[in-house]
Amino acid sequence: MYQTHGDGWQITMDASGPLMIALFVRDAAGLHNVGQPLLPAISPRVRAVDHSHLTAEVGGLAALQTEWAAWWDQLLRAHPQTVPELTPPNFEHFANSPALQMVLRAHFGTALTWTRERRSDYSALEIERQTAGSVQVFADLVDDRLLELGRRAHNFTLTIIELPLKEHRAWFLEPDRIIMSDGLLADPVTFRSYVQPVIELLV
């Protein structure tokens, strides 16, 4: 986790295991155009398989899409907590989402392994960034805006959730969250184009 703060403001940036698991399940199940915001495929990609045989008796693909989108929304609202809890092997907390429950049972082990690998990658990336000083950009963006405005910052917190996404961009979730590809910070120009307007809005 990275955190920077000043007088009345704080920016926190970290990855999210539960959201990674959810995205793995989405991609493994071949779900498209589900959840808000609409995020690109995870990286590295996972192979999608047909789940119609698992979900046919509990609503099929339409039910799975609806249940996954509701789960995703719950996870975003509860972040950094995991709601509902992921409790293998039966995933009792998903009893009202039977199609998703079936898919979780099928993929949770692989999703967990994939997520642990990505968390390990992210830890190495954090060390690399701290050594290079690239995360200083967040404090610099706030300081530049305050210098421009000639006043102290409004009180604000900004939570940045980094995820291993193929497309390098960011999505602002009002009022105080950003979902960001974990590769975006390595592209300073594109990074600023997404994140600077949000910080200017909050400051």
N, C-alpha and C. Protein backbone atom coordinates (compact mmCIF):
# COMPACT_ATOMS: atom_id res chain seq x y z
N MET A 1 0.84 -1.20 0.00
CA MET A 1 0.00 0.00 0.00
C MET A 1 0.88 1.24 0.00
N TYR A 2 0.47 2.23 -0.78
CA TYR A 2 1.13 3.52 -0.79
C TYR A 2 0.16 4.56 -0.25
N GLN A 3 0.70 5.46 0.60
CA GLN A 3 -0.15 6.51 1.15
C GLN A 3 0.64 7.81 1.23
N THR A 4 0.01 8.89 0.82
CA THR A 4 0.60 10.21 0.98
C THR A 4 -0.48 11.15 1.49
N HIS A 5 -0.08 12.16 2.23
CA HIS A 5 -1.08 13.05 2.83
C HIS A 5 -0.48 14.42 3.10
N GLY A 6 -1.37 15.35 3.34
CA GLY A 6 -0.98 16.70 3.69
C GLY A 6 -2.02 17.28 4.62
N ASP A 7 -2.07 18.59 4.70
CA ASP A 7 -3.00 19.27 5.60
C ASP A 7 -4.43 19.10 5.11
N GLY A 8 -5.16 18.15 5.70
CA GLY A 8 -6.56 17.95 5.36
C GLY A 8 -6.82 16.99 4.22
N TRP A 9 -5.79 16.38 3.64
CA TRP A 9 -6.02 15.47 2.51
C TRP A 9 -5.17 14.21 2.64
N GLN A 10 -5.65 13.16 1.97
CA GLN A 10 -4.94 11.88 1.99
C GLN A 10 -5.24 11.10 0.71
N ILE A 11 -4.21 10.53 0.12
CA ILE A 11 -4.35 9.67 -1.06
C ILE A 11 -3.77 8.30 -0.72
N THR A 12 -4.56 7.28 -0.94
CA THR A 12 -4.14 5.90 -0.68
C THR A 12 -4.24 5.10 -1.96
N MET A 13 -3.24 4.27 -2.23
CA MET A 13 -3.24 3.44 -3.43
C MET A 13 -2.85 2.01 -3.06
N ASP A 14 -3.65 1.05 -3.52
CA ASP A 14 -3.37 -0.35 -3.24
C ASP A 14 -4.09 -1.21 -4.26
N ALA A 15 -3.70 -2.47 -4.32
CA ALA A 15 -4.41 -3.46 -5.13
C ALA A 15 -5.53 -4.06 -4.28
N SER A 16 -6.39 -4.85 -4.91
CA SER A 16 -7.51 -5.48 -4.20
C SER A 16 -7.64 -6.93 -4.64
N GLY A 17 -7.34 -7.85 -3.71
CA GLY A 17 -7.50 -9.27 -4.00
C GLY A 17 -8.92 -9.67 -4.36
N PRO A 18 -9.93 -9.27 -3.57
CA PRO A 18 -11.30 -9.64 -3.90
C PRO A 18 -11.75 -9.16 -5.27
N LEU A 19 -11.36 -7.94 -5.67
CA LEU A 19 -11.74 -7.45 -6.98
C LEU A 19 -11.01 -8.21 -8.09
N MET A 20 -9.77 -8.60 -7.83
CA MET A 20 -9.05 -9.42 -8.80
C MET A 20 -9.74 -10.77 -9.00
N ILE A 21 -10.16 -11.38 -7.90
CA ILE A 21 -10.87 -12.66 -8.00
C ILE A 21 -12.15 -12.49 -8.82
N ALA A 22 -12.88 -11.43 -8.55
CA ALA A 22 -14.12 -11.18 -9.29
C ALA A 22 -13.86 -11.01 -10.78
N LEU A 23 -12.81 -10.28 -11.13
CA LEU A 23 -12.50 -10.08 -12.54
C LEU A 23 -12.03 -11.37 -13.20
N PHE A 24 -11.30 -12.20 -12.46
CA PHE A 24 -10.90 -13.50 -13.00
C PHE A 24 -12.14 -14.33 -13.31
N VAL A 25 -13.09 -14.36 -12.37
CA VAL A 25 -14.33 -15.11 -12.59
C VAL A 25 -15.08 -14.56 -13.80
N ARG A 26 -15.16 -13.24 -13.90
CA ARG A 26 -15.83 -12.61 -15.05
C ARG A 26 -15.22 -13.08 -16.37
N ASP A 27 -13.89 -13.01 -16.46
CA ASP A 27 -13.23 -13.35 -17.72
C ASP A 27 -13.26 -14.85 -17.98
N ALA A 28 -13.10 -15.67 -16.94
CA ALA A 28 -13.14 -17.12 -17.12
C ALA A 28 -14.52 -17.58 -17.58
N ALA A 29 -15.55 -16.85 -17.15
CA ALA A 29 -16.92 -17.20 -17.55
C ALA A 29 -17.33 -16.55 -18.86
N GLY A 30 -16.44 -15.77 -19.45
CA GLY A 30 -16.74 -15.14 -20.73
C GLY A 30 -17.82 -14.09 -20.66
N LEU A 31 -17.92 -13.40 -19.53
CA LEU A 31 -18.93 -12.37 -19.37
C LEU A 31 -18.44 -11.07 -20.00
N HIS A 32 -19.28 -10.44 -20.79
CA HIS A 32 -18.92 -9.21 -21.47
C HIS A 32 -19.92 -8.12 -21.15
N ASN A 33 -19.42 -6.89 -21.11
CA ASN A 33 -20.28 -5.72 -20.89
C ASN A 33 -21.12 -5.85 -19.62
N VAL A 34 -20.46 -6.30 -18.54
CA VAL A 34 -21.15 -6.41 -17.25
C VAL A 34 -20.37 -5.61 -16.21
N GLY A 35 -21.10 -5.07 -15.25
CA GLY A 35 -20.49 -4.32 -14.16
C GLY A 35 -20.21 -2.88 -14.54
N GLN A 36 -20.21 -2.04 -13.52
CA GLN A 36 -19.89 -0.63 -13.70
C GLN A 36 -18.74 -0.26 -12.77
N PRO A 37 -17.70 0.38 -13.31
CA PRO A 37 -17.52 0.71 -14.72
C PRO A 37 -17.18 -0.53 -15.55
N LEU A 38 -17.34 -0.42 -16.86
CA LEU A 38 -16.99 -1.53 -17.75
C LEU A 38 -15.47 -1.56 -17.89
N LEU A 39 -14.86 -2.60 -17.37
CA LEU A 39 -13.40 -2.70 -17.37
C LEU A 39 -12.93 -3.67 -18.45
N PRO A 40 -11.72 -3.43 -18.97
CA PRO A 40 -11.17 -4.34 -19.98
C PRO A 40 -10.76 -5.67 -19.36
N ALA A 41 -10.24 -6.56 -20.20
CA ALA A 41 -9.80 -7.88 -19.73
C ALA A 41 -8.63 -7.74 -18.76
N ILE A 42 -8.51 -8.74 -17.90
CA ILE A 42 -7.38 -8.78 -16.98
C ILE A 42 -6.12 -9.16 -17.74
N SER A 43 -4.99 -8.88 -17.11
CA SER A 43 -3.70 -9.21 -17.71
C SER A 43 -2.81 -9.85 -16.64
N PRO A 44 -2.26 -11.05 -16.90
CA PRO A 44 -2.40 -11.82 -18.12
C PRO A 44 -3.81 -12.38 -18.29
N ARG A 45 -4.19 -12.56 -19.54
CA ARG A 45 -5.54 -13.04 -19.86
C ARG A 45 -5.77 -14.46 -19.34
N VAL A 46 -7.04 -14.77 -19.15
CA VAL A 46 -7.43 -16.15 -18.83
C VAL A 46 -8.36 -16.64 -19.93
N ARG A 47 -8.35 -17.93 -20.14
CA ARG A 47 -9.18 -18.51 -21.20
C ARG A 47 -10.62 -18.64 -20.73
N ALA A 48 -11.54 -18.14 -21.52
CA ALA A 48 -12.96 -18.25 -21.19
C ALA A 48 -13.47 -19.63 -21.59
N VAL A 49 -14.35 -20.17 -20.76
CA VAL A 49 -14.97 -21.47 -21.06
C VAL A 49 -16.48 -21.33 -20.96
N ASP A 50 -17.17 -22.25 -21.62
CA ASP A 50 -18.63 -22.23 -21.65
C ASP A 50 -19.18 -22.80 -20.33
N HIS A 51 -20.01 -22.02 -19.65
CA HIS A 51 -20.58 -22.44 -18.37
C HIS A 51 -22.06 -22.78 -18.46
N SER A 52 -22.57 -22.91 -19.66
CA SER A 52 -24.00 -23.16 -19.80
C SER A 52 -24.45 -24.44 -19.11
N HIS A 53 -23.56 -25.45 -19.08
CA HIS A 53 -23.93 -26.71 -18.42
C HIS A 53 -24.04 -26.54 -16.91
N LEU A 54 -23.31 -25.56 -16.35
CA LEU A 54 -23.37 -25.32 -14.90
C LEU A 54 -24.57 -24.49 -14.50
N THR A 55 -24.94 -23.55 -15.36
CA THR A 55 -25.92 -22.55 -14.96
C THR A 55 -27.29 -22.71 -15.60
N ALA A 56 -27.45 -23.71 -16.46
CA ALA A 56 -28.70 -23.85 -17.22
C ALA A 56 -29.92 -23.94 -16.32
N GLU A 57 -29.80 -24.63 -15.19
CA GLU A 57 -30.96 -24.84 -14.32
C GLU A 57 -31.17 -23.72 -13.31
N VAL A 58 -30.28 -22.72 -13.31
CA VAL A 58 -30.41 -21.61 -12.34
C VAL A 58 -30.41 -20.26 -13.06
N GLY A 59 -30.91 -20.23 -14.29
CA GLY A 59 -31.08 -18.95 -14.99
C GLY A 59 -30.15 -18.71 -16.15
N GLY A 60 -29.13 -19.57 -16.31
CA GLY A 60 -28.24 -19.45 -17.45
C GLY A 60 -27.37 -18.20 -17.44
N LEU A 61 -26.92 -17.82 -18.63
CA LEU A 61 -26.00 -16.70 -18.78
C LEU A 61 -26.58 -15.39 -18.27
N ALA A 62 -27.85 -15.15 -18.54
CA ALA A 62 -28.47 -13.88 -18.11
C ALA A 62 -28.42 -13.75 -16.59
N ALA A 63 -28.72 -14.84 -15.88
CA ALA A 63 -28.66 -14.81 -14.42
C ALA A 63 -27.24 -14.60 -13.94
N LEU A 64 -26.29 -15.28 -14.57
CA LEU A 64 -24.89 -15.14 -14.17
C LEU A 64 -24.41 -13.71 -14.35
N GLN A 65 -24.78 -13.08 -15.46
CA GLN A 65 -24.39 -11.69 -15.68
C GLN A 65 -24.96 -10.77 -14.61
N THR A 66 -26.23 -10.94 -14.31
CA THR A 66 -26.88 -10.09 -13.30
C THR A 66 -26.26 -10.30 -11.93
N GLU A 67 -26.03 -11.55 -11.58
CA GLU A 67 -25.47 -11.87 -10.26
C GLU A 67 -24.04 -11.37 -10.13
N TRP A 68 -23.26 -11.52 -11.21
CA TRP A 68 -21.88 -11.03 -11.14
C TRP A 68 -21.86 -9.51 -10.99
N ALA A 69 -22.69 -8.81 -11.75
CA ALA A 69 -22.72 -7.35 -11.68
C ALA A 69 -23.11 -6.88 -10.28
N ALA A 70 -24.06 -7.56 -9.65
CA ALA A 70 -24.46 -7.20 -8.28
C ALA A 70 -23.31 -7.46 -7.30
N TRP A 71 -22.60 -8.57 -7.48
CA TRP A 71 -21.45 -8.88 -6.63
C TRP A 71 -20.37 -7.82 -6.78
N TRP A 72 -20.07 -7.46 -8.02
CA TRP A 72 -19.05 -6.44 -8.29
C TRP A 72 -19.41 -5.12 -7.61
N ASP A 73 -20.68 -4.74 -7.71
CA ASP A 73 -21.12 -3.50 -7.08
C ASP A 73 -20.95 -3.56 -5.56
N GLN A 74 -21.28 -4.71 -4.96
CA GLN A 74 -21.08 -4.89 -3.52
C GLN A 74 -19.62 -4.76 -3.14
N LEU A 75 -18.74 -5.39 -3.92
CA LEU A 75 -17.31 -5.34 -3.61
C LEU A 75 -16.79 -3.91 -3.68
N LEU A 76 -17.19 -3.17 -4.69
CA LEU A 76 -16.72 -1.78 -4.81
C LEU A 76 -17.21 -0.93 -3.65
N ARG A 77 -18.47 -1.12 -3.28
CA ARG A 77 -19.02 -0.32 -2.18
C ARG A 77 -18.36 -0.64 -0.85
N ALA A 78 -17.99 -1.91 -0.65
CA ALA A 78 -17.44 -2.35 0.63
C ALA A 78 -15.92 -2.20 0.71
N HIS A 79 -15.24 -1.99 -0.42
CA HIS A 79 -13.78 -1.93 -0.42
C HIS A 79 -13.26 -1.04 0.70
N PRO A 80 -12.26 -1.51 1.49
CA PRO A 80 -11.41 -2.67 1.29
C PRO A 80 -11.92 -3.97 1.93
N GLN A 81 -13.09 -3.98 2.51
CA GLN A 81 -13.63 -5.22 3.05
C GLN A 81 -14.14 -6.12 1.92
N THR A 82 -14.30 -7.42 2.24
CA THR A 82 -14.85 -8.37 1.29
C THR A 82 -16.29 -8.67 1.67
N VAL A 83 -17.23 -8.16 0.90
CA VAL A 83 -18.65 -8.37 1.15
C VAL A 83 -19.32 -8.74 -0.16
N PRO A 84 -19.97 -9.91 -0.22
CA PRO A 84 -20.06 -10.95 0.81
C PRO A 84 -18.75 -11.73 0.91
N GLU A 85 -18.59 -12.45 2.02
CA GLU A 85 -17.37 -13.20 2.24
C GLU A 85 -17.27 -14.37 1.25
N LEU A 86 -16.04 -14.64 0.86
CA LEU A 86 -15.76 -15.78 -0.01
C LEU A 86 -15.38 -16.97 0.87
N THR A 87 -16.28 -17.92 1.00
CA THR A 87 -16.06 -19.04 1.93
C THR A 87 -16.19 -20.37 1.19
N PRO A 88 -15.07 -20.82 0.59
CA PRO A 88 -15.12 -22.12 -0.09
C PRO A 88 -15.31 -23.25 0.92
N PRO A 89 -15.79 -24.41 0.51
CA PRO A 89 -16.08 -24.78 -0.88
C PRO A 89 -17.52 -24.47 -1.32
N ASN A 90 -18.42 -24.15 -0.38
CA ASN A 90 -19.83 -24.03 -0.75
C ASN A 90 -20.28 -22.60 -1.02
N PHE A 91 -19.53 -21.62 -0.56
CA PHE A 91 -19.86 -20.21 -0.79
C PHE A 91 -21.31 -19.91 -0.36
N GLU A 92 -21.55 -20.19 0.92
CA GLU A 92 -22.90 -20.05 1.47
C GLU A 92 -23.46 -18.64 1.32
N HIS A 93 -22.60 -17.63 1.34
CA HIS A 93 -23.07 -16.25 1.26
C HIS A 93 -23.60 -15.90 -0.13
N PHE A 94 -23.46 -16.81 -1.08
CA PHE A 94 -23.95 -16.59 -2.44
C PHE A 94 -25.18 -17.44 -2.73
N ALA A 95 -25.88 -17.85 -1.68
CA ALA A 95 -27.06 -18.69 -1.87
C ALA A 95 -28.13 -18.03 -2.72
N ASN A 96 -28.20 -16.69 -2.67
CA ASN A 96 -29.18 -15.97 -3.47
C ASN A 96 -28.69 -15.68 -4.89
N SER A 97 -27.48 -16.14 -5.20
CA SER A 97 -26.91 -15.99 -6.54
C SER A 97 -26.42 -17.35 -7.02
N PRO A 98 -27.36 -18.26 -7.30
CA PRO A 98 -26.96 -19.65 -7.55
C PRO A 98 -26.08 -19.86 -8.77
N ALA A 99 -26.29 -19.08 -9.83
CA ALA A 99 -25.43 -19.23 -11.01
C ALA A 99 -23.99 -18.83 -10.68
N LEU A 100 -23.84 -17.70 -10.01
CA LEU A 100 -22.51 -17.24 -9.60
C LEU A 100 -21.89 -18.21 -8.61
N GLN A 101 -22.69 -18.73 -7.71
CA GLN A 101 -22.20 -19.70 -6.73
C GLN A 101 -21.59 -20.92 -7.43
N MET A 102 -22.27 -21.41 -8.46
CA MET A 102 -21.77 -22.55 -9.23
C MET A 102 -20.42 -22.22 -9.87
N VAL A 103 -20.32 -21.04 -10.47
CA VAL A 103 -19.09 -20.66 -11.16
C VAL A 103 -17.95 -20.43 -10.16
N LEU A 104 -18.26 -19.87 -9.01
CA LEU A 104 -17.25 -19.71 -7.97
C LEU A 104 -16.70 -21.06 -7.53
N ARG A 105 -17.58 -22.02 -7.35
CA ARG A 105 -17.13 -23.35 -6.96
C ARG A 105 -16.18 -23.94 -8.00
N ALA A 106 -16.46 -23.67 -9.26
CA ALA A 106 -15.64 -24.22 -10.33
C ALA A 106 -14.29 -23.54 -10.46
N HIS A 107 -14.22 -22.25 -10.16
CA HIS A 107 -13.02 -21.48 -10.50
C HIS A 107 -12.26 -20.89 -9.33
N PHE A 108 -12.76 -21.02 -8.12
CA PHE A 108 -12.15 -20.27 -7.03
C PHE A 108 -10.69 -20.64 -6.81
N GLY A 109 -10.36 -21.92 -6.87
CA GLY A 109 -8.97 -22.32 -6.64
C GLY A 109 -8.02 -21.68 -7.62
N THR A 110 -8.37 -21.73 -8.89
CA THR A 110 -7.53 -21.13 -9.93
C THR A 110 -7.50 -19.61 -9.79
N ALA A 111 -8.66 -19.03 -9.48
CA ALA A 111 -8.73 -17.57 -9.31
C ALA A 111 -7.86 -17.12 -8.15
N LEU A 112 -7.85 -17.89 -7.07
CA LEU A 112 -7.06 -17.53 -5.90
C LEU A 112 -5.57 -17.61 -6.21
N THR A 113 -5.16 -18.66 -6.91
CA THR A 113 -3.75 -18.79 -7.29
C THR A 113 -3.33 -17.65 -8.20
N TRP A 114 -4.16 -17.33 -9.19
CA TRP A 114 -3.86 -16.22 -10.11
C TRP A 114 -3.75 -14.91 -9.34
N THR A 115 -4.66 -14.70 -8.41
CA THR A 115 -4.66 -13.45 -7.64
C THR A 115 -3.43 -13.35 -6.74
N ARG A 116 -3.04 -14.45 -6.12
CA ARG A 116 -1.83 -14.42 -5.29
C ARG A 116 -0.59 -14.09 -6.12
N GLU A 117 -0.53 -14.60 -7.34
CA GLU A 117 0.58 -14.28 -8.22
C GLU A 117 0.58 -12.80 -8.58
N ARG A 118 -0.59 -12.26 -8.84
CA ARG A 118 -0.68 -10.83 -9.17
C ARG A 118 -0.33 -9.97 -7.95
N ARG A 119 -0.73 -10.40 -6.76
CA ARG A 119 -0.38 -9.65 -5.54
C ARG A 119 1.13 -9.65 -5.34
N SER A 120 1.76 -10.77 -5.65
CA SER A 120 3.22 -10.85 -5.55
C SER A 120 3.87 -9.91 -6.56
N ASP A 121 3.35 -9.90 -7.78
CA ASP A 121 3.85 -8.96 -8.79
C ASP A 121 3.69 -7.52 -8.33
N TYR A 122 2.55 -7.24 -7.69
CA TYR A 122 2.25 -5.89 -7.26
C TYR A 122 3.20 -5.45 -6.14
N SER A 123 3.51 -6.36 -5.24
CA SER A 123 4.46 -6.05 -4.16
C SER A 123 5.82 -5.66 -4.74
N ALA A 124 6.27 -6.41 -5.75
CA ALA A 124 7.54 -6.08 -6.40
C ALA A 124 7.46 -4.73 -7.10
N LEU A 125 6.31 -4.45 -7.71
CA LEU A 125 6.11 -3.17 -8.39
C LEU A 125 6.15 -2.01 -7.40
N GLU A 126 5.55 -2.20 -6.23
CA GLU A 126 5.56 -1.15 -5.21
C GLU A 126 6.99 -0.80 -4.78
N ILE A 127 7.81 -1.83 -4.59
CA ILE A 127 9.20 -1.61 -4.20
C ILE A 127 9.94 -0.85 -5.29
N GLU A 128 9.72 -1.25 -6.52
CA GLU A 128 10.35 -0.58 -7.67
C GLU A 128 9.94 0.88 -7.74
N ARG A 129 8.67 1.16 -7.52
CA ARG A 129 8.19 2.55 -7.56
C ARG A 129 8.77 3.39 -6.44
N GLN A 130 8.84 2.81 -5.23
CA GLN A 130 9.39 3.55 -4.10
C GLN A 130 10.85 3.90 -4.35
N THR A 131 11.59 2.94 -4.92
CA THR A 131 13.00 3.17 -5.21
C THR A 131 13.17 4.27 -6.26
N ALA A 132 12.31 4.24 -7.27
CA ALA A 132 12.40 5.22 -8.36
C ALA A 132 11.79 6.57 -7.99
N GLY A 133 10.97 6.59 -6.94
CA GLY A 133 10.31 7.83 -6.54
C GLY A 133 9.14 8.22 -7.41
N SER A 134 8.63 7.28 -8.21
CA SER A 134 7.57 7.63 -9.15
C SER A 134 6.24 7.94 -8.47
N VAL A 135 6.03 7.41 -7.25
CA VAL A 135 4.77 7.68 -6.55
C VAL A 135 4.69 9.10 -6.00
N GLN A 136 5.81 9.81 -6.01
CA GLN A 136 5.81 11.20 -5.56
C GLN A 136 4.90 12.07 -6.41
N VAL A 137 4.52 11.56 -7.58
CA VAL A 137 3.70 12.33 -8.51
C VAL A 137 2.37 12.75 -7.88
N PHE A 138 1.83 11.94 -6.97
CA PHE A 138 0.54 12.28 -6.36
C PHE A 138 0.65 13.54 -5.51
N ALA A 139 1.65 13.59 -4.65
CA ALA A 139 1.86 14.79 -3.83
C ALA A 139 2.18 15.98 -4.71
N ASP A 140 2.93 15.74 -5.78
CA ASP A 140 3.27 16.84 -6.69
C ASP A 140 2.03 17.41 -7.36
N LEU A 141 1.10 16.55 -7.75
CA LEU A 141 -0.13 17.02 -8.38
C LEU A 141 -0.95 17.88 -7.42
N VAL A 142 -1.02 17.47 -6.16
CA VAL A 142 -1.74 18.27 -5.16
C VAL A 142 -1.03 19.59 -4.93
N ASP A 143 0.27 19.54 -4.74
CA ASP A 143 1.04 20.76 -4.48
C ASP A 143 0.93 21.75 -5.64
N ASP A 144 1.00 21.24 -6.86
CA ASP A 144 0.89 22.12 -8.03
C ASP A 144 -0.47 22.81 -8.07
N ARG A 145 -1.51 22.07 -7.74
CA ARG A 145 -2.86 22.63 -7.76
C ARG A 145 -3.03 23.68 -6.65
N LEU A 146 -2.48 23.41 -5.48
CA LEU A 146 -2.58 24.36 -4.37
C LEU A 146 -1.81 25.64 -4.68
N LEU A 147 -0.66 25.50 -5.32
CA LEU A 147 0.12 26.67 -5.71
C LEU A 147 -0.66 27.52 -6.71
N GLU A 148 -1.34 26.84 -7.61
CA GLU A 148 -2.15 27.53 -8.61
C GLU A 148 -3.33 28.25 -7.98
N LEU A 149 -3.95 27.62 -6.97
CA LEU A 149 -5.14 28.21 -6.34
C LEU A 149 -4.79 29.22 -5.26
N GLY A 150 -3.61 29.09 -4.66
CA GLY A 150 -3.20 30.01 -3.61
C GLY A 150 -3.96 29.83 -2.31
N ARG A 151 -4.32 28.61 -1.99
CA ARG A 151 -5.03 28.32 -0.73
C ARG A 151 -4.70 26.90 -0.28
N ARG A 152 -5.17 26.54 0.93
CA ARG A 152 -5.00 25.17 1.40
C ARG A 152 -6.03 24.27 0.73
N ALA A 153 -5.79 22.98 0.79
CA ALA A 153 -6.69 22.03 0.15
C ALA A 153 -7.99 21.90 0.91
N HIS A 154 -9.08 21.65 0.18
CA HIS A 154 -10.30 21.18 0.83
C HIS A 154 -9.98 19.83 1.47
N ASN A 155 -10.67 19.49 2.54
CA ASN A 155 -10.49 18.18 3.14
C ASN A 155 -10.98 17.11 2.16
N PHE A 156 -10.10 16.17 1.83
CA PHE A 156 -10.53 15.09 0.95
C PHE A 156 -9.67 13.85 1.16
N THR A 157 -10.26 12.72 0.82
CA THR A 157 -9.52 11.47 0.72
C THR A 157 -9.75 10.92 -0.68
N LEU A 158 -8.74 10.31 -1.24
CA LEU A 158 -8.85 9.68 -2.56
C LEU A 158 -8.27 8.28 -2.45
N THR A 159 -9.08 7.29 -2.78
CA THR A 159 -8.64 5.89 -2.77
C THR A 159 -8.46 5.42 -4.20
N ILE A 160 -7.26 4.94 -4.50
CA ILE A 160 -6.95 4.44 -5.83
C ILE A 160 -6.79 2.93 -5.75
N ILE A 161 -7.60 2.21 -6.51
CA ILE A 161 -7.57 0.74 -6.52
C ILE A 161 -6.89 0.33 -7.81
N GLU A 162 -5.72 -0.27 -7.70
CA GLU A 162 -4.99 -0.71 -8.89
C GLU A 162 -5.32 -2.17 -9.20
N LEU A 163 -5.56 -2.45 -10.46
CA LEU A 163 -5.92 -3.79 -10.90
C LEU A 163 -5.12 -4.15 -12.15
N PRO A 164 -4.83 -5.43 -12.34
CA PRO A 164 -4.04 -5.87 -13.50
C PRO A 164 -4.90 -5.94 -14.76
N LEU A 165 -5.04 -4.82 -15.41
CA LEU A 165 -5.91 -4.72 -16.59
C LEU A 165 -5.09 -4.53 -17.85
N LYS A 166 -5.59 -5.09 -18.94
CA LYS A 166 -4.85 -5.02 -20.20
C LYS A 166 -4.74 -3.60 -20.72
N GLU A 167 -5.81 -2.82 -20.58
CA GLU A 167 -5.83 -1.44 -21.08
C GLU A 167 -5.35 -0.50 -20.00
N HIS A 168 -4.40 0.36 -20.32
CA HIS A 168 -3.83 1.28 -19.35
C HIS A 168 -4.64 2.58 -19.31
N ARG A 169 -5.53 2.64 -18.33
CA ARG A 169 -6.32 3.85 -18.14
C ARG A 169 -6.89 3.84 -16.72
N ALA A 170 -7.74 4.82 -16.41
CA ALA A 170 -8.34 4.93 -15.08
C ALA A 170 -9.81 5.29 -15.21
N TRP A 171 -10.57 4.97 -14.14
CA TRP A 171 -12.00 5.23 -14.11
C TRP A 171 -12.31 5.89 -12.77
N PHE A 172 -12.88 7.10 -12.81
CA PHE A 172 -13.23 7.83 -11.59
C PHE A 172 -14.60 7.37 -11.11
N LEU A 173 -14.67 6.95 -9.85
CA LEU A 173 -15.93 6.57 -9.23
C LEU A 173 -16.26 7.62 -8.19
N GLU A 174 -17.22 8.45 -8.50
CA GLU A 174 -17.57 9.53 -7.57
C GLU A 174 -18.03 8.95 -6.24
N PRO A 175 -17.70 9.58 -5.10
CA PRO A 175 -17.05 10.89 -5.04
C PRO A 175 -15.55 10.84 -4.82
N ASP A 176 -14.96 9.67 -4.49
CA ASP A 176 -13.58 9.72 -4.01
C ASP A 176 -12.77 8.46 -4.30
N ARG A 177 -13.07 7.77 -5.42
CA ARG A 177 -12.33 6.56 -5.74
C ARG A 177 -11.95 6.55 -7.21
N ILE A 178 -10.81 5.93 -7.48
CA ILE A 178 -10.36 5.69 -8.85
C ILE A 178 -9.98 4.23 -8.97
N ILE A 179 -10.46 3.58 -10.03
CA ILE A 179 -9.92 2.29 -10.43
C ILE A 179 -8.89 2.57 -11.51
N MET A 180 -7.71 1.98 -11.36
CA MET A 180 -6.62 2.30 -12.27
C MET A 180 -5.88 1.03 -12.66
N SER A 181 -5.52 0.93 -13.92
CA SER A 181 -4.65 -0.15 -14.36
C SER A 181 -3.31 -0.04 -13.65
N ASP A 182 -2.76 -1.18 -13.22
CA ASP A 182 -1.49 -1.12 -12.50
C ASP A 182 -0.31 -0.76 -13.40
N GLY A 183 -0.54 -0.65 -14.71
CA GLY A 183 0.52 -0.22 -15.60
C GLY A 183 0.45 1.25 -15.97
N LEU A 184 -0.58 1.96 -15.50
CA LEU A 184 -0.79 3.34 -15.93
C LEU A 184 0.28 4.28 -15.41
N LEU A 185 0.73 4.08 -14.20
CA LEU A 185 1.70 5.00 -13.60
C LEU A 185 3.01 5.03 -14.38
N ALA A 186 3.29 3.97 -15.12
CA ALA A 186 4.52 3.92 -15.91
C ALA A 186 4.44 4.77 -17.17
N ASP A 187 3.27 5.29 -17.48
CA ASP A 187 3.07 6.16 -18.64
C ASP A 187 2.65 7.54 -18.11
N PRO A 188 3.61 8.40 -17.77
CA PRO A 188 3.31 9.66 -17.07
C PRO A 188 2.30 10.55 -17.78
N VAL A 189 2.38 10.65 -19.09
CA VAL A 189 1.48 11.54 -19.82
C VAL A 189 0.05 11.05 -19.73
N THR A 190 -0.15 9.76 -20.01
CA THR A 190 -1.50 9.19 -19.95
C THR A 190 -2.01 9.19 -18.52
N PHE A 191 -1.13 8.87 -17.56
CA PHE A 191 -1.51 8.90 -16.15
C PHE A 191 -2.06 10.27 -15.76
N ARG A 192 -1.34 11.31 -16.10
CA ARG A 192 -1.78 12.66 -15.74
C ARG A 192 -3.11 13.01 -16.41
N SER A 193 -3.32 12.53 -17.63
CA SER A 193 -4.56 12.87 -18.34
C SER A 193 -5.78 12.33 -17.62
N TYR A 194 -5.63 11.21 -16.90
CA TYR A 194 -6.75 10.63 -16.17
C TYR A 194 -6.84 11.12 -14.72
N VAL A 195 -5.70 11.24 -14.06
CA VAL A 195 -5.71 11.45 -12.61
C VAL A 195 -5.67 12.93 -12.24
N GLN A 196 -4.96 13.74 -12.99
CA GLN A 196 -4.87 15.17 -12.65
C GLN A 196 -6.23 15.84 -12.57
N PRO A 197 -7.16 15.63 -13.52
CA PRO A 197 -8.47 16.29 -13.40
C PRO A 197 -9.22 15.89 -12.14
N VAL A 198 -9.07 14.67 -11.68
CA VAL A 198 -9.76 14.22 -10.46
C VAL A 198 -9.18 14.94 -9.25
N ILE A 199 -7.86 15.00 -9.18
CA ILE A 199 -7.22 15.69 -8.05
C ILE A 199 -7.58 17.17 -8.07
N GLU A 200 -7.61 17.78 -9.23
CA GLU A 200 -8.00 19.20 -9.31
C GLU A 200 -9.42 19.39 -8.83
N LEU A 201 -10.30 18.44 -9.13
CA LEU A 201 -11.69 18.51 -8.68
C LEU A 201 -11.78 18.43 -7.16
N LEU A 202 -11.00 17.54 -6.57
CA LEU A 202 -11.09 17.31 -5.13
C LEU A 202 -10.39 18.39 -4.32
N VAL A 203 -9.26 18.88 -4.83
CA VAL A 203 -8.49 19.89 -4.10
C VAL A 203 -9.26 21.19 -4.00
